C-alpha cells in the first residue's frame, strides 16, 4: 500500500505550477508510526487525528518519495528533516530506507528529529545503524529536550524511569561518530 495516495500527491504537486512560483525550504518525510515510548503531555501524536497512513508504520513508497525529492530539489530545497508522528527511531530500518533514497539527490543537509532515548539506550538503534546512517548522508541529529536539567527531561520524557538518559554522553557519542547535534 502506498504511504501517499496518488491523488493527494498529484494535488500537492499541482499547487505549485512553476519553479519561479515558490521556493521549498524543507522536505519532511514522516518516518514510522505513532508509537513512541516517551510520556510527553505535549506530544503531536496526541494533538492530531489518527489515520490509516500513520496508525501503523508504513514503508516508504519509493517511486512517490523519489518524485517528491526530485520536485523538492528542483524547487530549491536544501534540507531534509526525517521526523515522525511517533518516535522515528522505533523504526531504524525505515530511517535507513529513507536515507538510502534521499542521498542520491544531494540535499545540502539531512537531519533526524528524535527524543534520543532509543539512540541512548541502543535499543533498537545500534552503533551499526548510526554508522550506516552517517554513510548515507545523515548530518545532524536534533534531540528534543524541554530543559537543560536532566530531572525536568526525565519528568517529561521518561517519567517511569529513575533517571533520564545521559544526554551529555549521547551528544559526545554522536559527535564522535561525526554527527552535528542540535
Protein backbone atom coordinates (compact mmCIF):
# COMPACT_ATOMS: atom_id res chain seq x y z
CA UNK A 1 0.00 0.00 0.00
CA UNK A 2 1.17 3.48 -0.83
CA UNK A 3 2.03 5.77 2.07
CA UNK A 4 0.87 8.75 -0.01
CA UNK A 5 -2.24 8.27 -2.18
CA UNK A 6 -1.54 9.19 -5.82
CA UNK A 7 -4.39 11.73 -5.99
CA UNK A 8 -3.07 13.54 -2.92
CA UNK A 9 0.46 13.62 -4.31
CA UNK A 10 -0.73 14.94 -7.68
CA UNK A 11 -2.85 17.60 -5.96
CA UNK A 12 0.05 18.70 -3.78
CA UNK A 13 2.47 18.88 -6.69
CA UNK A 14 0.00 20.77 -8.87
CA UNK A 15 -0.36 23.56 -6.28
CA UNK A 16 2.93 25.00 -7.46
CA UNK A 17 2.86 25.44 -11.20
CA UNK A 18 6.42 26.59 -11.90
CA UNK A 19 9.88 26.74 -10.38
CA UNK A 20 9.60 30.53 -10.15
CA UNK A 21 6.42 30.43 -8.05
CA UNK A 22 7.83 29.29 -4.75
CA UNK A 23 11.00 28.01 -3.14
CA UNK A 24 10.54 24.99 -0.90
CA UNK A 25 12.85 25.18 2.10
CA UNK A 26 12.36 21.87 3.86
CA UNK A 27 11.27 18.35 2.95
CA UNK A 28 9.94 16.49 5.99
CA UNK A 29 9.18 12.79 5.50
CA UNK A 30 7.23 11.21 8.36
CA UNK A 31 9.00 8.01 9.40
CA UNK A 32 7.38 5.04 11.11
CA UNK A 33 4.10 5.01 13.02
CA UNK A 34 2.68 6.64 16.14
CA UNK A 35 4.46 4.53 18.78
CA UNK A 36 6.96 6.41 20.91
CA UNK A 37 7.66 5.25 24.44
CA UNK A 38 8.10 8.71 25.92
CA UNK A 39 5.37 10.27 28.05
CA UNK A 40 5.17 13.82 26.71
CA UNK A 41 1.95 15.63 27.52
CA UNK A 42 2.56 18.00 24.59
CA UNK A 43 3.13 15.25 22.02
CA UNK A 44 1.97 15.99 18.48
CA UNK A 45 0.63 12.44 18.17
CA UNK A 46 -2.00 13.24 20.78
CA UNK A 47 -2.96 16.51 19.11
CA UNK A 48 -3.61 15.24 15.60
CA UNK A 49 -6.08 12.66 14.35
CA UNK A 50 -5.01 9.09 13.77
CA UNK A 51 -5.45 7.95 10.20
CA UNK A 52 -4.57 4.88 8.18
CA UNK A 53 -1.36 6.41 6.86
CA UNK A 54 0.21 6.90 10.28
CA UNK A 55 -1.62 4.48 12.59
CA UNK A 56 0.96 1.83 11.71
CA UNK A 57 4.48 2.00 10.36
CA UNK A 58 4.37 2.08 6.57
CA UNK A 59 7.45 1.55 4.45
CA UNK A 60 8.18 4.39 2.07
CA UNK A 61 6.59 4.28 -1.37
CA UNK A 62 9.87 4.51 -3.24
CA UNK A 63 8.55 5.88 -6.54
CA UNK A 64 6.42 8.55 -4.88
CA UNK A 65 9.19 9.55 -2.50
CA UNK A 66 11.73 9.86 -5.31
CA UNK A 67 9.31 12.07 -7.27
CA UNK A 68 8.79 14.27 -4.21
CA UNK A 69 12.59 14.51 -3.75
CA UNK A 70 13.03 15.47 -7.43
CA UNK A 71 10.33 18.10 -7.09
CA UNK A 72 11.73 19.47 -3.83
CA UNK A 73 15.25 19.61 -5.24
CA UNK A 74 14.02 21.36 -8.40
CA UNK A 75 12.32 23.98 -6.20
CA UNK A 76 15.36 24.85 -4.11
CA UNK A 77 15.01 22.57 -1.11
CA UNK A 78 18.34 22.16 0.66
CA UNK A 79 17.34 20.33 3.85
CA UNK A 80 15.52 17.07 4.56
CA UNK A 81 14.29 16.53 8.13
CA UNK A 82 13.24 12.98 8.99
CA UNK A 83 10.63 13.16 11.72
CA UNK A 84 7.68 11.15 12.92
CA UNK A 85 4.23 11.32 14.35
CA UNK A 86 5.72 8.97 16.95
CA UNK A 87 9.42 8.37 17.64
CA UNK A 88 11.16 7.71 14.30
CA UNK A 89 13.94 5.74 16.00
CA UNK A 90 11.45 2.97 16.75
CA UNK A 91 11.81 2.14 13.06
CA UNK A 92 15.56 2.15 12.30
CA UNK A 93 15.06 0.23 9.05
CA UNK A 94 12.65 2.89 7.79
CA UNK A 95 15.19 5.58 8.60
CA UNK A 96 17.80 3.58 6.68
CA UNK A 97 15.44 3.27 3.70
CA UNK A 98 14.64 6.99 3.62
CA UNK A 99 18.33 7.88 3.86
CA UNK A 100 19.24 5.50 1.04
CA UNK A 101 16.54 7.02 -1.18
CA UNK A 102 17.42 10.60 -0.19
CA UNK A 103 21.21 10.53 -0.54
CA UNK A 104 21.38 10.45 -4.37
CA UNK A 105 19.54 13.78 -4.59
CA UNK A 106 22.42 15.65 -2.95
CA UNK A 107 20.48 17.73 -0.45
CA UNK A 108 22.83 20.02 1.48
CA UNK A 109 21.63 18.81 4.90
CA UNK A 110 19.83 15.69 6.12
CA UNK A 111 18.56 15.77 9.70
CA UNK A 112 16.76 13.43 12.09
CA UNK A 113 14.43 14.74 14.79
CA UNK A 114 14.25 12.41 17.81
CA UNK A 115 13.85 12.37 21.57
CA UNK A 116 17.17 10.49 21.62
CA UNK A 117 16.02 7.79 24.02
CA UNK A 118 16.27 4.87 21.58
CA UNK A 119 19.73 6.01 20.48
CA UNK A 120 20.98 6.46 24.07
CA UNK A 121 19.55 3.09 25.11
CA UNK A 122 20.95 1.43 21.97
CA UNK A 123 17.58 -0.31 21.62
CA UNK A 124 16.60 -0.75 18.84
CA UNK A 125 19.26 1.63 17.48
CA UNK A 126 22.76 0.22 17.38
CA UNK A 127 26.11 1.75 16.57
CA UNK A 128 25.89 -0.08 13.22
CA UNK A 129 22.67 1.83 12.43
CA UNK A 130 24.32 5.14 13.28
CA UNK A 131 27.40 4.39 11.15
CA UNK A 132 25.18 3.33 8.23
CA UNK A 133 23.06 6.48 8.62
CA UNK A 134 26.16 8.68 8.61
CA UNK A 135 27.42 6.90 5.49
CA UNK A 136 24.04 7.52 3.85
CA UNK A 137 24.14 11.25 4.41
CA UNK A 138 22.61 11.90 7.84
CA UNK A 139 24.39 15.03 9.05
CA UNK A 140 22.54 16.29 12.10
CA UNK A 141 20.54 14.72 14.89
CA UNK A 142 18.10 17.12 16.56
CA UNK A 143 17.35 15.86 20.06
CA UNK A 144 14.17 17.15 21.65
CA UNK A 145 14.61 18.33 25.22
CA UNK A 146 12.47 20.52 27.44
CA UNK A 147 15.10 21.77 29.87
CA UNK A 148 18.83 21.89 30.49
CA UNK A 149 18.35 19.96 33.77
CA UNK A 150 18.09 16.20 33.49
CA UNK A 151 15.32 15.84 36.07
CA UNK A 152 12.97 18.09 34.08
CA UNK A 153 13.59 15.97 30.98
CA UNK A 154 13.02 12.78 32.98
CA UNK A 155 9.64 14.07 34.17
CA UNK A 156 8.71 14.97 30.60
CA UNK A 157 10.08 12.09 28.53
CA UNK A 158 10.73 9.17 30.88
CA UNK A 159 8.51 9.64 33.95
CA UNK A 160 8.50 5.92 34.76
CA UNK A 161 12.30 5.71 34.87
CA UNK A 162 14.53 6.59 37.79
CA UNK A 163 16.68 8.81 35.60
CA UNK A 164 16.76 10.46 32.19
CA UNK A 165 19.24 9.41 29.52
CA UNK A 166 22.81 10.62 29.90
CA UNK A 167 22.38 13.48 27.43
CA UNK A 168 25.99 14.76 27.57
CA UNK A 169 27.27 11.22 26.88
CA UNK A 170 24.79 10.80 24.00
CA UNK A 171 25.92 14.09 22.44
CA UNK A 172 29.58 13.10 22.88
CA UNK A 173 28.86 9.70 21.26
CA UNK A 174 27.11 11.32 18.31
CA UNK A 175 29.88 13.89 17.84
CA UNK A 176 32.43 11.05 17.92
CA UNK A 177 30.53 9.40 15.05
CA UNK A 178 30.66 12.66 13.08
CA UNK A 179 27.13 13.97 13.63
CA UNK A 180 26.25 17.54 14.40
CA UNK A 181 23.74 17.71 17.27
CA UNK A 182 21.08 20.30 17.93
